[in-house]
Amino acid sequence: MRGERLSRFELFAELRRRNVAKVEVQFSGGGDEGGVDSISLQDAEGNEIGTLEEDYGGSQWDGQKWVPVNPPNPDTALVNALCAPVYDKYGSFAGEFYVSGKINVDVAAETIKMPYQESVETYEDHEEEF
């Protein structure tokens, strides 16, 4: 995920500008890998009117910091804002868990909800004598 992202106010304004009523962001992962699987832009009835994808763009070291190889596309900040709850919660998905869920954005209500299922691997001590 690249650095630029919209504020909450800017996110809802941009979705309205694009005539988007709802957004569904599917995600999954765990055990050191995972991320956003799909981003669906929908009308008020839930019909898909478009999709977005994460833009990793690439970067290179300039001797002091990482700089983008390609400039962000017009959707980069919007995508980063839509995906932020996933990466804010799970980062690189490192850990002894697996998660599957989605982010539901309702533009009219200005709500962002994240229902998900998470499984956690547990370890139990055992000892047997033979």
N, C-alpha and C. Protein backbone atom coordinates (compact mmCIF):
# COMPACT_ATOMS: atom_id res chain seq x y z
N MET A 1 0.85 -1.17 0.00
CA MET A 1 0.00 0.00 0.00
C MET A 1 0.89 1.23 0.00
N ARG A 2 0.62 2.16 -0.85
CA ARG A 2 1.41 3.39 -0.93
C ARG A 2 0.90 4.38 0.07
N GLY A 3 1.71 5.37 0.43
CA GLY A 3 1.47 6.26 1.54
C GLY A 3 0.25 7.17 1.49
N GLU A 4 -0.06 7.75 0.35
CA GLU A 4 -1.12 8.74 0.25
C GLU A 4 -2.49 8.10 0.49
N ARG A 5 -3.29 8.72 1.38
CA ARG A 5 -4.67 8.24 1.54
C ARG A 5 -5.56 9.40 1.97
N LEU A 6 -6.83 9.30 1.65
CA LEU A 6 -7.80 10.34 1.94
C LEU A 6 -8.23 10.30 3.40
N SER A 7 -8.65 11.45 3.91
CA SER A 7 -9.27 11.49 5.23
C SER A 7 -10.67 10.89 5.11
N ARG A 8 -11.31 10.64 6.22
CA ARG A 8 -12.68 10.09 6.20
C ARG A 8 -13.62 11.01 5.43
N PHE A 9 -13.54 12.32 5.69
CA PHE A 9 -14.37 13.30 4.99
C PHE A 9 -14.10 13.24 3.48
N GLU A 10 -12.83 13.22 3.09
CA GLU A 10 -12.46 13.17 1.68
C GLU A 10 -12.91 11.87 1.03
N LEU A 11 -12.84 10.76 1.77
CA LEU A 11 -13.26 9.47 1.26
C LEU A 11 -14.73 9.50 0.84
N PHE A 12 -15.60 9.95 1.75
CA PHE A 12 -17.03 9.98 1.42
C PHE A 12 -17.33 10.98 0.31
N ALA A 13 -16.62 12.11 0.29
CA ALA A 13 -16.82 13.10 -0.78
C ALA A 13 -16.43 12.51 -2.13
N GLU A 14 -15.31 11.77 -2.18
CA GLU A 14 -14.86 11.18 -3.44
C GLU A 14 -15.82 10.09 -3.90
N LEU A 15 -16.32 9.28 -2.99
CA LEU A 15 -17.28 8.24 -3.38
C LEU A 15 -18.57 8.87 -3.92
N ARG A 16 -19.04 9.95 -3.29
CA ARG A 16 -20.22 10.65 -3.80
C ARG A 16 -19.96 11.22 -5.20
N ARG A 17 -18.77 11.80 -5.38
CA ARG A 17 -18.40 12.37 -6.68
C ARG A 17 -18.45 11.31 -7.78
N ARG A 18 -18.12 10.07 -7.42
CA ARG A 18 -18.12 8.96 -8.37
C ARG A 18 -19.47 8.24 -8.44
N ASN A 19 -20.48 8.78 -7.75
CA ASN A 19 -21.82 8.18 -7.71
C ASN A 19 -21.82 6.76 -7.16
N VAL A 20 -21.00 6.52 -6.16
CA VAL A 20 -20.92 5.22 -5.49
C VAL A 20 -21.74 5.29 -4.22
N ALA A 21 -22.62 4.31 -4.02
CA ALA A 21 -23.46 4.28 -2.82
C ALA A 21 -22.88 3.35 -1.75
N LYS A 22 -22.22 2.27 -2.21
CA LYS A 22 -21.67 1.28 -1.29
C LYS A 22 -20.34 0.76 -1.83
N VAL A 23 -19.50 0.32 -0.91
CA VAL A 23 -18.25 -0.32 -1.31
C VAL A 23 -18.10 -1.58 -0.47
N GLU A 24 -17.63 -2.64 -1.10
CA GLU A 24 -17.32 -3.88 -0.40
C GLU A 24 -15.87 -4.25 -0.69
N VAL A 25 -15.07 -4.33 0.37
CA VAL A 25 -13.66 -4.68 0.26
C VAL A 25 -13.47 -6.05 0.90
N GLN A 26 -13.16 -7.06 0.11
CA GLN A 26 -12.92 -8.41 0.61
C GLN A 26 -11.45 -8.56 0.97
N PHE A 27 -11.16 -9.24 2.10
CA PHE A 27 -9.77 -9.47 2.49
C PHE A 27 -9.64 -10.83 3.17
N SER A 28 -8.41 -11.35 3.18
CA SER A 28 -8.14 -12.61 3.85
C SER A 28 -6.64 -12.73 4.08
N GLY A 29 -6.27 -13.61 5.00
CA GLY A 29 -4.86 -13.88 5.21
C GLY A 29 -4.55 -14.35 6.61
N GLY A 30 -3.27 -14.49 6.86
CA GLY A 30 -2.76 -14.94 8.14
C GLY A 30 -1.47 -15.69 7.94
N GLY A 31 -0.76 -15.96 9.04
CA GLY A 31 0.48 -16.71 8.93
C GLY A 31 1.52 -16.03 8.07
N ASP A 32 1.63 -14.73 8.15
CA ASP A 32 2.62 -13.90 7.45
C ASP A 32 2.27 -13.52 6.02
N GLU A 33 1.07 -13.79 5.58
CA GLU A 33 0.68 -13.30 4.26
C GLU A 33 -0.81 -13.04 4.21
N GLY A 34 -1.18 -12.10 3.39
CA GLY A 34 -2.58 -11.77 3.25
C GLY A 34 -2.75 -10.36 2.73
N GLY A 35 -3.99 -9.96 2.53
CA GLY A 35 -4.26 -8.61 2.06
C GLY A 35 -5.65 -8.50 1.50
N VAL A 36 -5.87 -7.43 0.78
CA VAL A 36 -7.16 -7.15 0.16
C VAL A 36 -7.28 -7.99 -1.10
N ASP A 37 -8.40 -8.69 -1.23
CA ASP A 37 -8.64 -9.55 -2.39
C ASP A 37 -9.40 -8.84 -3.51
N SER A 38 -10.35 -7.97 -3.14
CA SER A 38 -11.13 -7.27 -4.16
C SER A 38 -11.78 -6.03 -3.56
N ILE A 39 -12.05 -5.06 -4.44
CA ILE A 39 -12.75 -3.84 -4.05
C ILE A 39 -13.86 -3.61 -5.07
N SER A 40 -15.11 -3.69 -4.60
CA SER A 40 -16.27 -3.55 -5.46
C SER A 40 -17.01 -2.25 -5.15
N LEU A 41 -17.20 -1.42 -6.15
CA LEU A 41 -17.97 -0.18 -6.03
C LEU A 41 -19.40 -0.51 -6.48
N GLN A 42 -20.39 -0.10 -5.69
CA GLN A 42 -21.76 -0.50 -5.96
C GLN A 42 -22.73 0.68 -5.94
N ASP A 43 -23.85 0.48 -6.61
CA ASP A 43 -24.93 1.47 -6.56
C ASP A 43 -25.79 1.19 -5.32
N ALA A 44 -26.85 1.95 -5.15
CA ALA A 44 -27.70 1.82 -3.94
C ALA A 44 -28.36 0.45 -3.82
N GLU A 45 -28.58 -0.24 -4.96
CA GLU A 45 -29.20 -1.57 -4.93
C GLU A 45 -28.18 -2.69 -4.73
N GLY A 46 -26.90 -2.34 -4.65
CA GLY A 46 -25.86 -3.36 -4.47
C GLY A 46 -25.31 -3.92 -5.76
N ASN A 47 -25.67 -3.32 -6.90
CA ASN A 47 -25.14 -3.76 -8.19
C ASN A 47 -23.74 -3.19 -8.37
N GLU A 48 -22.81 -4.02 -8.82
CA GLU A 48 -21.44 -3.56 -9.03
C GLU A 48 -21.39 -2.60 -10.21
N ILE A 49 -20.81 -1.42 -9.97
CA ILE A 49 -20.67 -0.43 -11.03
C ILE A 49 -19.20 -0.19 -11.38
N GLY A 50 -18.30 -0.84 -10.65
CA GLY A 50 -16.88 -0.71 -10.93
C GLY A 50 -16.06 -1.46 -9.90
N THR A 51 -14.78 -1.60 -10.19
CA THR A 51 -13.85 -2.23 -9.26
C THR A 51 -12.58 -1.39 -9.18
N LEU A 52 -11.85 -1.58 -8.10
CA LEU A 52 -10.56 -0.93 -7.92
C LEU A 52 -9.55 -1.99 -7.51
N GLU A 53 -8.28 -1.71 -7.74
CA GLU A 53 -7.22 -2.61 -7.32
C GLU A 53 -6.16 -1.81 -6.59
N GLU A 54 -5.47 -2.47 -5.67
CA GLU A 54 -4.35 -1.83 -5.00
C GLU A 54 -3.24 -1.58 -6.02
N ASP A 55 -2.56 -0.46 -5.86
CA ASP A 55 -1.47 -0.10 -6.76
C ASP A 55 -0.18 -0.06 -5.94
N TYR A 56 0.65 -1.08 -6.12
CA TYR A 56 1.90 -1.11 -5.38
C TYR A 56 2.95 -0.23 -6.03
N GLY A 57 2.82 0.06 -7.32
CA GLY A 57 3.63 1.04 -8.01
C GLY A 57 5.12 0.83 -8.03
N GLY A 58 5.68 0.29 -7.01
CA GLY A 58 7.12 0.08 -6.95
C GLY A 58 7.85 1.31 -6.44
N SER A 59 8.98 1.08 -5.86
CA SER A 59 9.80 2.18 -5.37
C SER A 59 11.27 1.77 -5.43
N GLN A 60 12.13 2.77 -5.32
CA GLN A 60 13.56 2.49 -5.31
C GLN A 60 14.23 3.38 -4.28
N TRP A 61 15.37 2.94 -3.78
CA TRP A 61 16.13 3.65 -2.77
C TRP A 61 16.94 4.75 -3.44
N ASP A 62 16.80 6.00 -2.99
CA ASP A 62 17.55 7.09 -3.59
C ASP A 62 18.81 7.44 -2.78
N GLY A 63 19.15 6.58 -1.84
CA GLY A 63 20.31 6.83 -0.99
C GLY A 63 19.92 7.35 0.38
N GLN A 64 18.70 7.88 0.50
CA GLN A 64 18.21 8.40 1.77
C GLN A 64 16.82 7.89 2.14
N LYS A 65 16.01 7.61 1.12
CA LYS A 65 14.64 7.16 1.38
C LYS A 65 14.12 6.42 0.16
N TRP A 66 13.00 5.70 0.36
CA TRP A 66 12.34 5.03 -0.75
C TRP A 66 11.46 6.05 -1.48
N VAL A 67 11.59 6.10 -2.79
CA VAL A 67 10.78 7.01 -3.59
C VAL A 67 10.02 6.21 -4.64
N PRO A 68 8.78 6.62 -4.97
CA PRO A 68 8.00 5.88 -5.96
C PRO A 68 8.66 5.89 -7.33
N VAL A 69 8.62 4.75 -8.01
CA VAL A 69 9.14 4.65 -9.37
C VAL A 69 8.13 5.27 -10.33
N ASN A 70 6.86 4.95 -10.12
CA ASN A 70 5.77 5.50 -10.92
C ASN A 70 4.92 6.40 -10.02
N PRO A 71 4.46 7.51 -10.54
CA PRO A 71 3.60 8.36 -9.70
C PRO A 71 2.29 7.64 -9.38
N PRO A 72 1.68 7.96 -8.23
CA PRO A 72 0.40 7.34 -7.89
C PRO A 72 -0.65 7.63 -8.97
N ASN A 73 -1.53 6.66 -9.22
CA ASN A 73 -2.60 6.91 -10.18
C ASN A 73 -3.75 7.63 -9.45
N PRO A 74 -4.75 8.11 -10.16
CA PRO A 74 -5.83 8.87 -9.52
C PRO A 74 -6.61 8.09 -8.45
N ASP A 75 -6.56 6.77 -8.51
CA ASP A 75 -7.30 5.96 -7.55
C ASP A 75 -6.49 5.60 -6.30
N THR A 76 -5.19 5.88 -6.30
CA THR A 76 -4.32 5.42 -5.21
C THR A 76 -4.79 5.86 -3.83
N ALA A 77 -5.06 7.14 -3.65
CA ALA A 77 -5.46 7.64 -2.33
C ALA A 77 -6.80 7.05 -1.90
N LEU A 78 -7.73 6.89 -2.85
CA LEU A 78 -9.03 6.29 -2.54
C LEU A 78 -8.86 4.83 -2.13
N VAL A 79 -8.09 4.08 -2.88
CA VAL A 79 -7.85 2.67 -2.56
C VAL A 79 -7.19 2.55 -1.20
N ASN A 80 -6.19 3.37 -0.93
CA ASN A 80 -5.50 3.31 0.36
C ASN A 80 -6.46 3.59 1.51
N ALA A 81 -7.37 4.55 1.33
CA ALA A 81 -8.34 4.85 2.39
C ALA A 81 -9.31 3.69 2.59
N LEU A 82 -9.74 3.06 1.51
CA LEU A 82 -10.68 1.94 1.61
C LEU A 82 -10.03 0.71 2.25
N CYS A 83 -8.75 0.50 2.01
CA CYS A 83 -8.03 -0.67 2.53
C CYS A 83 -7.43 -0.43 3.92
N ALA A 84 -7.36 0.82 4.35
CA ALA A 84 -6.69 1.16 5.61
C ALA A 84 -7.15 0.36 6.82
N PRO A 85 -8.46 0.15 7.03
CA PRO A 85 -8.85 -0.62 8.22
C PRO A 85 -8.24 -2.02 8.28
N VAL A 86 -8.07 -2.64 7.12
CA VAL A 86 -7.47 -3.98 7.08
C VAL A 86 -6.02 -3.92 7.53
N TYR A 87 -5.24 -3.03 6.91
CA TYR A 87 -3.81 -2.97 7.22
C TYR A 87 -3.54 -2.33 8.57
N ASP A 88 -4.42 -1.43 9.03
CA ASP A 88 -4.26 -0.87 10.37
C ASP A 88 -4.43 -1.97 11.42
N LYS A 89 -5.34 -2.90 11.17
CA LYS A 89 -5.59 -3.99 12.13
C LYS A 89 -4.60 -5.13 11.99
N TYR A 90 -4.28 -5.55 10.76
CA TYR A 90 -3.50 -6.77 10.54
C TYR A 90 -2.08 -6.55 10.02
N GLY A 91 -1.73 -5.34 9.65
CA GLY A 91 -0.36 -5.07 9.17
C GLY A 91 0.03 -6.03 8.07
N SER A 92 1.08 -6.81 8.31
CA SER A 92 1.56 -7.78 7.32
C SER A 92 0.93 -9.15 7.49
N PHE A 93 -0.08 -9.26 8.33
CA PHE A 93 -0.78 -10.52 8.61
C PHE A 93 0.13 -11.53 9.31
N ALA A 94 1.16 -11.05 9.98
CA ALA A 94 2.05 -11.94 10.72
C ALA A 94 1.36 -12.40 12.00
N GLY A 95 1.43 -13.68 12.26
CA GLY A 95 0.86 -14.20 13.49
C GLY A 95 0.26 -15.57 13.31
N GLU A 96 -0.16 -16.14 14.40
CA GLU A 96 -0.75 -17.48 14.42
C GLU A 96 -2.27 -17.37 14.31
N PHE A 97 -2.75 -16.87 13.20
CA PHE A 97 -4.18 -16.69 12.98
C PHE A 97 -4.47 -16.75 11.49
N TYR A 98 -5.74 -16.87 11.18
CA TYR A 98 -6.22 -16.73 9.82
C TYR A 98 -7.50 -15.91 9.89
N VAL A 99 -7.66 -14.97 8.98
CA VAL A 99 -8.83 -14.11 8.98
C VAL A 99 -9.41 -14.02 7.58
N SER A 100 -10.73 -13.88 7.53
CA SER A 100 -11.45 -13.67 6.29
C SER A 100 -12.58 -12.70 6.60
N GLY A 101 -12.72 -11.67 5.79
CA GLY A 101 -13.78 -10.71 6.07
C GLY A 101 -13.94 -9.70 4.97
N LYS A 102 -14.67 -8.65 5.31
CA LYS A 102 -14.89 -7.59 4.35
C LYS A 102 -15.10 -6.27 5.07
N ILE A 103 -14.92 -5.21 4.35
CA ILE A 103 -15.23 -3.87 4.83
C ILE A 103 -16.45 -3.43 4.04
N ASN A 104 -17.48 -2.97 4.75
CA ASN A 104 -18.69 -2.46 4.11
C ASN A 104 -18.76 -0.96 4.34
N VAL A 105 -18.75 -0.22 3.25
CA VAL A 105 -18.85 1.24 3.32
C VAL A 105 -20.23 1.63 2.80
N ASP A 106 -20.99 2.36 3.62
CA ASP A 106 -22.29 2.87 3.23
C ASP A 106 -22.15 4.39 3.14
N VAL A 107 -22.20 4.90 1.93
CA VAL A 107 -21.94 6.32 1.70
C VAL A 107 -23.03 7.20 2.30
N ALA A 108 -24.29 6.84 2.12
CA ALA A 108 -25.39 7.66 2.65
C ALA A 108 -25.33 7.76 4.17
N ALA A 109 -25.05 6.65 4.83
CA ALA A 109 -24.99 6.63 6.30
C ALA A 109 -23.62 7.05 6.82
N GLU A 110 -22.65 7.17 5.92
CA GLU A 110 -21.26 7.48 6.27
C GLU A 110 -20.73 6.53 7.35
N THR A 111 -20.94 5.23 7.10
CA THR A 111 -20.44 4.22 8.02
C THR A 111 -19.43 3.32 7.32
N ILE A 112 -18.50 2.83 8.11
CA ILE A 112 -17.52 1.85 7.66
C ILE A 112 -17.53 0.74 8.70
N LYS A 113 -17.95 -0.46 8.27
CA LYS A 113 -18.02 -1.60 9.19
C LYS A 113 -17.17 -2.73 8.63
N MET A 114 -16.59 -3.52 9.55
CA MET A 114 -15.71 -4.60 9.13
C MET A 114 -16.10 -5.91 9.82
N PRO A 115 -17.08 -6.65 9.26
CA PRO A 115 -17.36 -7.98 9.79
C PRO A 115 -16.28 -8.96 9.31
N TYR A 116 -15.85 -9.84 10.20
CA TYR A 116 -14.82 -10.80 9.83
C TYR A 116 -14.87 -12.03 10.73
N GLN A 117 -14.26 -13.11 10.23
CA GLN A 117 -14.11 -14.33 11.00
C GLN A 117 -12.61 -14.54 11.18
N GLU A 118 -12.23 -14.84 12.40
CA GLU A 118 -10.81 -15.03 12.69
C GLU A 118 -10.62 -16.34 13.44
N SER A 119 -9.70 -17.15 12.99
CA SER A 119 -9.36 -18.37 13.71
C SER A 119 -7.94 -18.22 14.26
N VAL A 120 -7.75 -18.70 15.46
CA VAL A 120 -6.46 -18.58 16.12
C VAL A 120 -5.97 -19.98 16.46
N GLU A 121 -4.74 -20.25 16.07
CA GLU A 121 -4.15 -21.54 16.39
C GLU A 121 -3.69 -21.52 17.85
N THR A 122 -4.04 -22.56 18.57
CA THR A 122 -3.62 -22.66 19.97
C THR A 122 -2.76 -23.90 20.16
N TYR A 123 -1.92 -23.84 21.16
CA TYR A 123 -1.04 -24.95 21.47
C TYR A 123 -1.35 -25.43 22.88
N GLU A 124 -1.38 -26.74 23.04
CA GLU A 124 -1.62 -27.33 24.34
C GLU A 124 -0.43 -28.22 24.69
N ASP A 125 0.02 -28.14 25.92
CA ASP A 125 1.12 -28.98 26.37
C ASP A 125 0.62 -30.39 26.64
N HIS A 126 1.39 -31.36 26.22
CA HIS A 126 1.08 -32.76 26.45
C HIS A 126 2.37 -33.46 26.87
N GLU A 127 2.20 -34.49 27.62
CA GLU A 127 3.35 -35.33 27.95
C GLU A 127 2.86 -36.77 28.05
N GLU A 128 3.56 -37.64 27.38
CA GLU A 128 3.23 -39.06 27.43
C GLU A 128 4.44 -39.82 27.93
N GLU A 129 4.17 -40.86 28.64
CA GLU A 129 5.26 -41.70 29.12
C GLU A 129 5.12 -43.06 28.49
N PHE A 130 6.22 -43.60 28.04
CA PHE A 130 6.21 -44.92 27.40
C PHE A 130 7.14 -45.85 28.12
